[in-house]
PDB file of N, CA and C in Angstrom:
ATOM      1  N   MET A   1       0.817  -1.094  20.207  1.00  0.00           N
ATOM      2  CA  MET A   1       0.877  -1.585  18.845  1.00  0.00           C
ATOM      3  C   MET A   1      -0.500  -1.799  18.306  1.00  0.00           C
ATOM      4  N   ASN A   2      -0.727  -1.348  17.093  1.00  0.00           N
ATOM      5  CA  ASN A   2      -1.985  -1.492  16.390  1.00  0.00           C
ATOM      6  C   ASN A   2      -2.123  -2.929  15.864  1.00  0.00           C
ATOM      7  N   THR A   3      -3.264  -3.558  16.197  1.00  0.00           N
ATOM      8  CA  THR A   3      -3.449  -4.953  15.794  1.00  0.00           C
ATOM      9  C   THR A   3      -4.369  -5.130  14.585  1.00  0.00           C
ATOM     10  N   GLU A   4      -4.834  -4.006  14.020  1.00  0.00           N
ATOM     11  CA  GLU A   4      -5.726  -4.091  12.864  1.00  0.00           C
ATOM     12  C   GLU A   4      -4.950  -4.705  11.683  1.00  0.00           C
ATOM     13  N   LYS A   5      -5.687  -5.479  10.886  1.00  0.00           N
ATOM     14  CA  LYS A   5      -5.088  -6.092   9.713  1.00  0.00           C
ATOM     15  C   LYS A   5      -5.586  -5.375   8.470  1.00  0.00           C
ATOM     16  N   HIS A   6      -4.737  -5.265   7.467  1.00  0.00           N
ATOM     17  CA  HIS A   6      -5.193  -4.665   6.222  1.00  0.00           C
ATOM     18  C   HIS A   6      -5.666  -5.801   5.290  1.00  0.00           C
ATOM     19  N   THR A   7      -6.383  -5.445   4.249  1.00  0.00           N
ATOM     20  CA  THR A   7      -6.829  -6.410   3.283  1.00  0.00           C
ATOM     21  C   THR A   7      -5.579  -6.931   2.580  1.00  0.00           C
ATOM     22  N   PRO A   8      -5.345  -8.242   2.549  1.00  0.00           N
ATOM     23  CA  PRO A   8      -4.126  -8.739   1.942  1.00  0.00           C
ATOM     24  C   PRO A   8      -4.081  -8.509   0.433  1.00  0.00           C
ATOM     25  N   GLY A   9      -2.906  -8.329  -0.091  1.00  0.00           N
ATOM     26  CA  GLY A   9      -2.717  -8.180  -1.547  1.00  0.00           C
ATOM     27  C   GLY A   9      -2.759  -9.535  -2.202  1.00  0.00           C
ATOM     28  N   PRO A  10      -2.614  -9.656  -3.478  1.00  0.00           N
ATOM     29  CA  PRO A  10      -2.274  -8.509  -4.356  1.00  0.00           C
ATOM     30  C   PRO A  10      -3.518  -7.672  -4.623  1.00  0.00           C
ATOM     31  N   TRP A  11      -3.261  -6.392  -4.826  1.00  0.00           N
ATOM     32  CA  TRP A  11      -4.294  -5.415  -5.235  1.00  0.00           C
ATOM     33  C   TRP A  11      -4.105  -5.029  -6.683  1.00  0.00           C
ATOM     34  N   GLN A  12      -5.153  -4.606  -7.335  1.00  0.00           N
ATOM     35  CA  GLN A  12      -5.046  -4.220  -8.756  1.00  0.00           C
ATOM     36  C   GLN A  12      -5.858  -2.927  -8.967  1.00  0.00           C
ATOM     37  N   ASN A  13      -5.386  -2.110  -9.840  1.00  0.00           N
ATOM     38  CA  ASN A  13      -6.140  -0.886 -10.200  1.00  0.00           C
ATOM     39  C   ASN A  13      -7.180  -1.172 -11.209  1.00  0.00           C
ATOM     40  N   GLU A  14      -8.206  -0.338 -11.238  1.00  0.00           N
ATOM     41  CA  GLU A  14      -9.306  -0.520 -12.233  1.00  0.00           C
ATOM     42  C   GLU A  14      -9.966   0.796 -12.456  1.00  0.00           C
ATOM     43  N   LYS A  15     -10.108   1.204 -13.739  1.00  0.00           N
ATOM     44  CA  LYS A  15     -10.880   2.407 -14.057  1.00  0.00           C
ATOM     45  C   LYS A  15     -12.329   2.163 -13.701  1.00  0.00           C
ATOM     46  N   SER A  16     -13.005   3.227 -13.239  1.00  0.00           N
ATOM     47  CA  SER A  16     -14.404   3.098 -12.902  1.00  0.00           C
ATOM     48  C   SER A  16     -15.204   4.298 -13.296  1.00  0.00           C
ATOM     49  N   GLY A  17     -16.345   4.097 -13.818  1.00  0.00           N
ATOM     50  CA  GLY A  17     -17.281   5.176 -14.057  1.00  0.00           C
ATOM     51  C   GLY A  17     -18.465   5.047 -13.116  1.00  0.00           C
ATOM     52  N   PHE A  18     -18.402   4.070 -12.203  1.00  0.00           N
ATOM     53  CA  PHE A  18     -19.521   3.805 -11.323  1.00  0.00           C
ATOM     54  C   PHE A  18     -19.684   4.920 -10.275  1.00  0.00           C
ATOM     55  N   PHE A  19     -18.580   5.388  -9.735  1.00  0.00           N
ATOM     56  CA  PHE A  19     -18.631   6.341  -8.646  1.00  0.00           C
ATOM     57  C   PHE A  19     -18.844   7.787  -9.060  1.00  0.00           C
ATOM     58  N   SER A  20     -18.608   8.126 -10.307  1.00  0.00           N
ATOM     59  CA  SER A  20     -18.750   9.480 -10.767  1.00  0.00           C
ATOM     60  C   SER A  20     -18.882   9.418 -12.332  1.00  0.00           C
ATOM     61  N   ARG A  21     -18.531  10.523 -12.957  1.00  0.00           N
ATOM     62  CA  ARG A  21     -18.600  10.504 -14.432  1.00  0.00           C
ATOM     63  C   ARG A  21     -17.685   9.397 -14.978  1.00  0.00           C
ATOM     64  N   PRO A  22     -17.986   8.892 -16.147  1.00  0.00           N
ATOM     65  CA  PRO A  22     -17.205   7.766 -16.683  1.00  0.00           C
ATOM     66  C   PRO A  22     -15.682   8.013 -16.674  1.00  0.00           C
ATOM     67  N   PHE A  23     -14.989   7.112 -16.106  1.00  0.00           N
ATOM     68  CA  PHE A  23     -13.498   7.063 -16.077  1.00  0.00           C
ATOM     69  C   PHE A  23     -12.889   8.277 -15.442  1.00  0.00           C
ATOM     70  N   THR A  24     -13.515   8.945 -14.526  1.00  0.00           N
ATOM     71  CA  THR A  24     -12.924  10.035 -13.809  1.00  0.00           C
ATOM     72  C   THR A  24     -12.459   9.607 -12.426  1.00  0.00           C
ATOM     73  N   SER A  25     -12.709   8.377 -12.068  1.00  0.00           N
ATOM     74  CA  SER A  25     -12.255   7.882 -10.798  1.00  0.00           C
ATOM     75  C   SER A  25     -11.634   6.511 -11.024  1.00  0.00           C
ATOM     76  N   TYR A  26     -10.840   6.075 -10.024  1.00  0.00           N
ATOM     77  CA  TYR A  26     -10.246   4.782 -10.050  1.00  0.00           C
ATOM     78  C   TYR A  26     -10.615   4.013  -8.798  1.00  0.00           C
ATOM     79  N   VAL A  27     -10.981   2.772  -8.952  1.00  0.00           N
ATOM     80  CA  VAL A  27     -10.984   1.885  -7.818  1.00  0.00           C
ATOM     81  C   VAL A  27      -9.534   1.558  -7.610  1.00  0.00           C
ATOM     82  N   ALA A  28      -8.947   2.096  -6.538  1.00  0.00           N
ATOM     83  CA  ALA A  28      -7.543   2.072  -6.358  1.00  0.00           C
ATOM     84  C   ALA A  28      -6.999   0.706  -6.149  1.00  0.00           C
ATOM     85  N   ALA A  29      -7.754  -0.142  -5.573  1.00  0.00           N
ATOM     86  CA  ALA A  29      -7.238  -1.468  -5.304  1.00  0.00           C
ATOM     87  C   ALA A  29      -8.362  -2.456  -5.118  1.00  0.00           C
ATOM     88  N   ARG A  30      -8.259  -3.595  -5.671  1.00  0.00           N
ATOM     89  CA  ARG A  30      -9.156  -4.679  -5.408  1.00  0.00           C
ATOM     90  C   ARG A  30      -8.414  -5.832  -4.886  1.00  0.00           C
ATOM     91  N   ASP A  31      -8.977  -6.456  -3.884  1.00  0.00           N
ATOM     92  CA  ASP A  31      -8.389  -7.705  -3.305  1.00  0.00           C
ATOM     93  C   ASP A  31      -8.649  -8.814  -4.283  1.00  0.00           C
ATOM     94  N   MET A  32      -7.582  -9.208  -4.968  1.00  0.00           N
ATOM     95  CA  MET A  32      -7.767 -10.184  -6.056  1.00  0.00           C
ATOM     96  C   MET A  32      -7.968 -11.610  -5.520  1.00  0.00           C
ATOM     97  N   LYS A  33      -7.858 -11.832  -4.252  1.00  0.00           N
ATOM     98  CA  LYS A  33      -8.126 -13.186  -3.691  1.00  0.00           C
ATOM     99  C   LYS A  33      -9.627 -13.360  -3.405  1.00  0.00           C
ATOM    100  N   GLN A  34     -10.372 -12.261  -3.346  1.00  0.00           N
ATOM    101  CA  GLN A  34     -11.816 -12.320  -3.142  1.00  0.00           C
ATOM    102  C   GLN A  34     -12.476 -12.476  -4.480  1.00  0.00           C
ATOM    103  N   ASN A  35     -13.476 -13.370  -4.569  1.00  0.00           N
ATOM    104  CA  ASN A  35     -14.198 -13.634  -5.791  1.00  0.00           C
ATOM    105  C   ASN A  35     -14.973 -12.368  -6.216  1.00  0.00           C
ATOM    106  N   ASP A  36     -15.434 -11.575  -5.287  1.00  0.00           N
ATOM    107  CA  ASP A  36     -16.222 -10.430  -5.585  1.00  0.00           C
ATOM    108  C   ASP A  36     -15.370  -9.199  -5.872  1.00  0.00           C
ATOM    109  N   GLY A  37     -14.021  -9.291  -5.757  1.00  0.00           N
ATOM    110  CA  GLY A  37     -13.166  -8.181  -6.027  1.00  0.00           C
ATOM    111  C   GLY A  37     -13.431  -7.039  -5.045  1.00  0.00           C
ATOM    112  N   TRP A  38     -13.378  -7.272  -3.769  1.00  0.00           N
ATOM    113  CA  TRP A  38     -13.625  -6.287  -2.745  1.00  0.00           C
ATOM    114  C   TRP A  38     -12.883  -5.021  -2.992  1.00  0.00           C
ATOM    115  N   CYS A  39     -13.614  -3.885  -2.998  1.00  0.00           N
ATOM    116  CA  CYS A  39     -13.032  -2.538  -3.241  1.00  0.00           C
ATOM    117  C   CYS A  39     -12.309  -2.126  -1.993  1.00  0.00           C
ATOM    118  N   VAL A  40     -11.027  -1.856  -2.089  1.00  0.00           N
ATOM    119  CA  VAL A  40     -10.244  -1.382  -0.982  1.00  0.00           C
ATOM    120  C   VAL A  40     -10.247   0.123  -0.841  1.00  0.00           C
ATOM    121  N   ALA A  41     -10.159   0.795  -1.972  1.00  0.00           N
ATOM    122  CA  ALA A  41     -10.178   2.257  -1.955  1.00  0.00           C
ATOM    123  C   ALA A  41     -10.575   2.838  -3.314  1.00  0.00           C
ATOM    124  N   THR A  42     -11.120   4.019  -3.317  1.00  0.00           N
ATOM    125  CA  THR A  42     -11.496   4.738  -4.527  1.00  0.00           C
ATOM    126  C   THR A  42     -10.914   6.091  -4.472  1.00  0.00           C
ATOM    127  N   VAL A  43     -10.236   6.532  -5.528  1.00  0.00           N
ATOM    128  CA  VAL A  43      -9.638   7.865  -5.547  1.00  0.00           C
ATOM    129  C   VAL A  43     -10.213   8.676  -6.705  1.00  0.00           C
ATOM    130  N   HIS A  44     -10.270   9.973  -6.512  1.00  0.00           N
ATOM    131  CA  HIS A  44     -10.753  10.948  -7.476  1.00  0.00           C
ATOM    132  C   HIS A  44      -9.733  12.069  -7.580  1.00  0.00           C
ATOM    133  N   GLY A  45      -9.919  12.911  -8.568  1.00  0.00           N
ATOM    134  CA  GLY A  45      -9.110  14.070  -8.694  1.00  0.00           C
ATOM    135  C   GLY A  45      -8.063  13.985  -9.819  1.00  0.00           C
ATOM    136  N   PRO A  46      -7.321  15.056 -10.003  1.00  0.00           N
ATOM    137  CA  PRO A  46      -6.367  15.078 -11.096  1.00  0.00           C
ATOM    138  C   PRO A  46      -5.218  14.024 -11.039  1.00  0.00           C
ATOM    139  N   GLU A  47      -4.896  13.589  -9.878  1.00  0.00           N
ATOM    140  CA  GLU A  47      -3.815  12.604  -9.703  1.00  0.00           C
ATOM    141  C   GLU A  47      -4.387  11.218  -9.428  1.00  0.00           C
ATOM    142  N   HIS A  48      -5.630  10.970  -9.761  1.00  0.00           N
ATOM    143  CA  HIS A  48      -6.261   9.714  -9.343  1.00  0.00           C
ATOM    144  C   HIS A  48      -5.537   8.450  -9.836  1.00  0.00           C
ATOM    145  N   GLU A  49      -5.021   8.498 -11.098  1.00  0.00           N
ATOM    146  CA  GLU A  49      -4.389   7.300 -11.596  1.00  0.00           C
ATOM    147  C   GLU A  49      -3.066   7.022 -10.873  1.00  0.00           C
ATOM    148  N   ALA A  50      -2.279   8.082 -10.595  1.00  0.00           N
ATOM    149  CA  ALA A  50      -1.019   7.899  -9.881  1.00  0.00           C
ATOM    150  C   ALA A  50      -1.290   7.441  -8.420  1.00  0.00           C
ATOM    151  N   ASN A  51      -2.304   8.075  -7.776  1.00  0.00           N
ATOM    152  CA  ASN A  51      -2.649   7.679  -6.424  1.00  0.00           C
ATOM    153  C   ASN A  51      -3.142   6.269  -6.369  1.00  0.00           C
ATOM    154  N   ALA A  52      -3.865   5.799  -7.368  1.00  0.00           N
ATOM    155  CA  ALA A  52      -4.346   4.413  -7.416  1.00  0.00           C
ATOM    156  C   ALA A  52      -3.209   3.457  -7.504  1.00  0.00           C
ATOM    157  N   ARG A  53      -2.202   3.742  -8.343  1.00  0.00           N
ATOM    158  CA  ARG A  53      -1.000   2.889  -8.467  1.00  0.00           C
ATOM    159  C   ARG A  53      -0.286   2.808  -7.107  1.00  0.00           C
ATOM    160  N   LEU A  54      -0.128   3.907  -6.423  1.00  0.00           N
ATOM    161  CA  LEU A  54       0.562   3.908  -5.144  1.00  0.00           C
ATOM    162  C   LEU A  54      -0.178   3.091  -4.123  1.00  0.00           C
ATOM    163  N   ILE A  55      -1.482   3.261  -4.035  1.00  0.00           N
ATOM    164  CA  ILE A  55      -2.294   2.520  -3.065  1.00  0.00           C
ATOM    165  C   ILE A  55      -2.229   1.028  -3.367  1.00  0.00           C
ATOM    166  N   ALA A  56      -2.345   0.678  -4.646  1.00  0.00           N
ATOM    167  CA  ALA A  56      -2.292  -0.743  -5.019  1.00  0.00           C
ATOM    168  C   ALA A  56      -0.944  -1.388  -4.724  1.00  0.00           C
ATOM    169  N   ALA A  57       0.090  -0.629  -4.749  1.00  0.00           N
ATOM    170  CA  ALA A  57       1.431  -1.165  -4.408  1.00  0.00           C
ATOM    171  C   ALA A  57       1.692  -1.264  -2.915  1.00  0.00           C
ATOM    172  N   ALA A  58       0.838  -0.681  -2.097  1.00  0.00           N
ATOM    173  CA  ALA A  58       1.107  -0.593  -0.661  1.00  0.00           C
ATOM    174  C   ALA A  58       1.368  -1.965   0.000  1.00  0.00           C
ATOM    175  N   PRO A  59       0.601  -2.994  -0.231  1.00  0.00           N
ATOM    176  CA  PRO A  59       0.891  -4.263   0.442  1.00  0.00           C
ATOM    177  C   PRO A  59       2.283  -4.813   0.041  1.00  0.00           C
ATOM    178  N   ASP A  60       2.640  -4.656  -1.226  1.00  0.00           N
ATOM    179  CA  ASP A  60       3.983  -5.103  -1.677  1.00  0.00           C
ATOM    180  C   ASP A  60       5.095  -4.272  -1.053  1.00  0.00           C
ATOM    181  N   LEU A  61       4.882  -2.957  -0.998  1.00  0.00           N
ATOM    182  CA  LEU A  61       5.882  -2.083  -0.409  1.00  0.00           C
ATOM    183  C   LEU A  61       6.105  -2.407   1.080  1.00  0.00           C
ATOM    184  N   LEU A  62       5.059  -2.614   1.810  1.00  0.00           N
ATOM    185  CA  LEU A  62       5.146  -2.955   3.222  1.00  0.00           C
ATOM    186  C   LEU A  62       5.871  -4.300   3.408  1.00  0.00           C
ATOM    187  N   ALA A  63       5.551  -5.243   2.604  1.00  0.00           N
ATOM    188  CA  ALA A  63       6.202  -6.559   2.682  1.00  0.00           C
ATOM    189  C   ALA A  63       7.721  -6.450   2.440  1.00  0.00           C
ATOM    190  N   VAL A  64       8.101  -5.688   1.462  1.00  0.00           N
ATOM    191  CA  VAL A  64       9.534  -5.510   1.158  1.00  0.00           C
ATOM    192  C   VAL A  64      10.223  -4.836   2.300  1.00  0.00           C
ATOM    193  N   LEU A  65       9.628  -3.766   2.854  1.00  0.00           N
ATOM    194  CA  LEU A  65      10.229  -3.054   3.993  1.00  0.00           C
ATOM    195  C   LEU A  65      10.408  -3.958   5.197  1.00  0.00           C
ATOM    196  N   LEU A  66       9.375  -4.775   5.485  1.00  0.00           N
ATOM    197  CA  LEU A  66       9.490  -5.743   6.586  1.00  0.00           C
ATOM    198  C   LEU A  66      10.601  -6.720   6.369  1.00  0.00           C
ATOM    199  N   GLU A  67      10.724  -7.192   5.135  1.00  0.00           N
ATOM    200  CA  GLU A  67      11.795  -8.170   4.790  1.00  0.00           C
ATOM    201  C   GLU A  67      13.165  -7.507   4.940  1.00  0.00           C
ATOM    202  N   LEU A  68      13.337  -6.296   4.454  1.00  0.00           N
ATOM    203  CA  LEU A  68      14.589  -5.584   4.585  1.00  0.00           C
ATOM    204  C   LEU A  68      15.005  -5.373   6.024  1.00  0.00           C
ATOM    205  N   CYS A  69      14.023  -4.972   6.857  1.00  0.00           N
ATOM    206  CA  CYS A  69      14.345  -4.720   8.250  1.00  0.00           C
ATOM    207  C   CYS A  69      14.683  -6.002   9.005  1.00  0.00           C
ATOM    208  N   ALA A  70      14.297  -7.144   8.479  1.00  0.00           N
ATOM    209  CA  ALA A  70      14.644  -8.375   9.146  1.00  0.00           C
ATOM    210  C   ALA A  70      15.991  -8.963   8.660  1.00  0.00           C
ATOM    211  N   ASP A  71      16.576  -8.290   7.660  1.00  0.00           N
ATOM    212  CA  ASP A  71      17.850  -8.800   7.091  1.00  0.00           C
ATOM    213  C   ASP A  71      19.012  -8.382   8.032  1.00  0.00           C
ATOM    214  N   LYS A  72      19.652  -9.344   8.637  1.00  0.00           N
ATOM    215  CA  LYS A  72      20.668  -9.046   9.601  1.00  0.00           C
ATOM    216  C   LYS A  72      21.898  -8.391   8.925  1.00  0.00           C
ATOM    217  N   TYR A  73      22.089  -8.562   7.655  1.00  0.00           N
ATOM    218  CA  TYR A  73      23.195  -7.973   6.973  1.00  0.00           C
ATOM    219  C   TYR A  73      23.052  -6.442   6.783  1.00  0.00           C
ATOM    220  N   LEU A  74      21.824  -5.978   6.891  1.00  0.00           N
ATOM    221  CA  LEU A  74      21.594  -4.531   6.792  1.00  0.00           C
ATOM    222  C   LEU A  74      21.671  -3.813   8.145  1.00  0.00           C
ATOM    223  N   ALA A  75      22.039  -4.526   9.168  1.00  0.00           N
ATOM    224  CA  ALA A  75      22.170  -3.931  10.503  1.00  0.00           C
ATOM    225  C   ALA A  75      23.486  -3.148  10.675  1.00  0.00           C
ATOM    226  N   ASP A  76      24.340  -3.167   9.645  1.00  0.00           N
ATOM    227  CA  ASP A  76      25.597  -2.429   9.694  1.00  0.00           C
ATOM    228  C   ASP A  76      25.313  -0.947   9.950  1.00  0.00           C
ATOM    229  N   PRO A  77      26.164  -0.307  10.796  1.00  0.00           N
ATOM    230  CA  PRO A  77      25.908   1.135  11.125  1.00  0.00           C
ATOM    231  C   PRO A  77      25.835   2.027   9.894  1.00  0.00           C
ATOM    232  N   ILE A  78      26.426   1.640   8.818  1.00  0.00           N
ATOM    233  CA  ILE A  78      26.385   2.475   7.601  1.00  0.00           C
ATOM    234  C   ILE A  78      24.927   2.599   7.064  1.00  0.00           C
ATOM    235  N   ASN A  79      24.068   1.649   7.428  1.00  0.00           N
ATOM    236  CA  ASN A  79      22.688   1.655   6.968  1.00  0.00           C
ATOM    237  C   ASN A  79      21.749   2.183   8.034  1.00  0.00           C
ATOM    238  N   ALA A  80      22.213   2.665   9.147  1.00  0.00           N
ATOM    239  CA  ALA A  80      21.353   3.060  10.263  1.00  0.00           C
ATOM    240  C   ALA A  80      20.307   4.055   9.891  1.00  0.00           C
ATOM    241  N   ASP A  81      20.632   5.084   9.162  1.00  0.00           N
ATOM    242  CA  ASP A  81      19.630   6.131   8.817  1.00  0.00           C
ATOM    243  C   ASP A  81      18.559   5.531   7.936  1.00  0.00           C
ATOM    244  N   ARG A  82      18.980   4.790   6.929  1.00  0.00           N
ATOM    245  CA  ARG A  82      18.015   4.221   5.956  1.00  0.00           C
ATOM    246  C   ARG A  82      17.079   3.188   6.688  1.00  0.00           C
ATOM    247  N   MET A  83      17.713   2.415   7.549  1.00  0.00           N
ATOM    248  CA  MET A  83      16.876   1.429   8.307  1.00  0.00           C
ATOM    249  C   MET A  83      15.906   2.077   9.263  1.00  0.00           C
ATOM    250  N   ALA A  84      16.324   3.187   9.846  1.00  0.00           N
ATOM    251  CA  ALA A  84      15.413   3.971  10.737  1.00  0.00           C
ATOM    252  C   ALA A  84      14.255   4.511   9.927  1.00  0.00           C
ATOM    253  N   ASN A  85      14.566   5.005   8.710  1.00  0.00           N
ATOM    254  CA  ASN A  85      13.492   5.527   7.811  1.00  0.00           C
ATOM    255  C   ASN A  85      12.543   4.394   7.413  1.00  0.00           C
ATOM    256  N   ALA A  86      13.084   3.176   7.171  1.00  0.00           N
ATOM    257  CA  ALA A  86      12.199   2.073   6.810  1.00  0.00           C
ATOM    258  C   ALA A  86      11.323   1.699   8.002  1.00  0.00           C
ATOM    259  N   ARG A  87      11.878   1.664   9.200  1.00  0.00           N
ATOM    260  CA  ARG A  87      11.090   1.300  10.405  1.00  0.00           C
ATOM    261  C   ARG A  87      10.026   2.359  10.674  1.00  0.00           C
ATOM    262  N   THR A  88      10.336   3.633  10.400  1.00  0.00           N
ATOM    263  CA  THR A  88       9.366   4.755  10.532  1.00  0.00           C
ATOM    264  C   THR A  88       8.176   4.544   9.593  1.00  0.00           C
ATOM    265  N   ALA A  89       8.548   4.209   8.317  1.00  0.00           N
ATOM    266  CA  ALA A  89       7.493   3.957   7.294  1.00  0.00           C
ATOM    267  C   ALA A  89       6.649   2.784   7.648  1.00  0.00           C
ATOM    268  N   ILE A  90       7.221   1.707   8.220  1.00  0.00           N
ATOM    269  CA  ILE A  90       6.493   0.533   8.653  1.00  0.00           C
ATOM    270  C   ILE A  90       5.529   0.914   9.779  1.00  0.00           C
ATOM    271  N   ALA A  91       6.034   1.661  10.729  1.00  0.00           N
ATOM    272  CA  ALA A  91       5.180   2.083  11.845  1.00  0.00           C
ATOM    273  C   ALA A  91       3.986   2.943  11.374  1.00  0.00           C
ATOM    274  N   LYS A  92       4.230   3.794  10.433  1.00  0.00           N
ATOM    275  CA  LYS A  92       3.156   4.615   9.869  1.00  0.00           C
ATOM    276  C   LYS A  92       2.127   3.761   9.175  1.00  0.00           C
ATOM    277  N   ALA A  93       2.578   2.795   8.373  1.00  0.00           N
ATOM    278  CA  ALA A  93       1.660   1.885   7.661  1.00  0.00           C
ATOM    279  C   ALA A  93       0.876   1.028   8.604  1.00  0.00           C
ATOM    280  N   GLU A  94       1.451   0.693   9.743  1.00  0.00           N
ATOM    281  CA  GLU A  94       0.765  -0.177  10.718  1.00  0.00           C
ATOM    282  C   GLU A  94      -0.030   0.631  11.759  1.00  0.00           C
ATOM    283  N   GLY A  95      -0.035   1.958  11.625  1.00  0.00           N
ATOM    284  CA  GLY A  95      -0.778   2.813  12.529  1.00  0.00           C
ATOM    285  C   GLY A  95      -0.149   3.025  13.878  1.00  0.00           C
ATOM    286  N   ASN A  96       1.166   2.853  13.898  1.00  0.00           N
ATOM    287  CA  ASN A  96       1.954   3.036  15.164  1.00  0.00           C
ATOM    288  C   ASN A  96       2.816   4.279  15.165  1.00  0.00           C
ATOM    289  N   ALA A  97       2.545   5.201  14.283  1.00  0.00           N
ATOM    290  CA  ALA A  97       3.357   6.422  14.265  1.00  0.00           C
ATOM    291  C   ALA A  97       2.479   7.638  14.330  1.00  0.00           C
TER     292      ALA A  97
END
């Protein structure tokens, strides 16, 4: 099991001209609990805005998947495939896949 911790959320997107030409890159996420707004990731390219939104949502998405997998009512066999997919996604996010 990977024991590395990620920067806690919430994260927020921000347009940036600092890393390249003005507003062609996004600081994908900033740790809003840090006073200095620690940069978590920077994305470039034609899909940079969409990629930034996805990265910024990552802590929330992981928390929701963890909460769902802990819900005893979702252990019904009818949910087995979906729960397996959720556990696979969690393992990937945690570096265990």
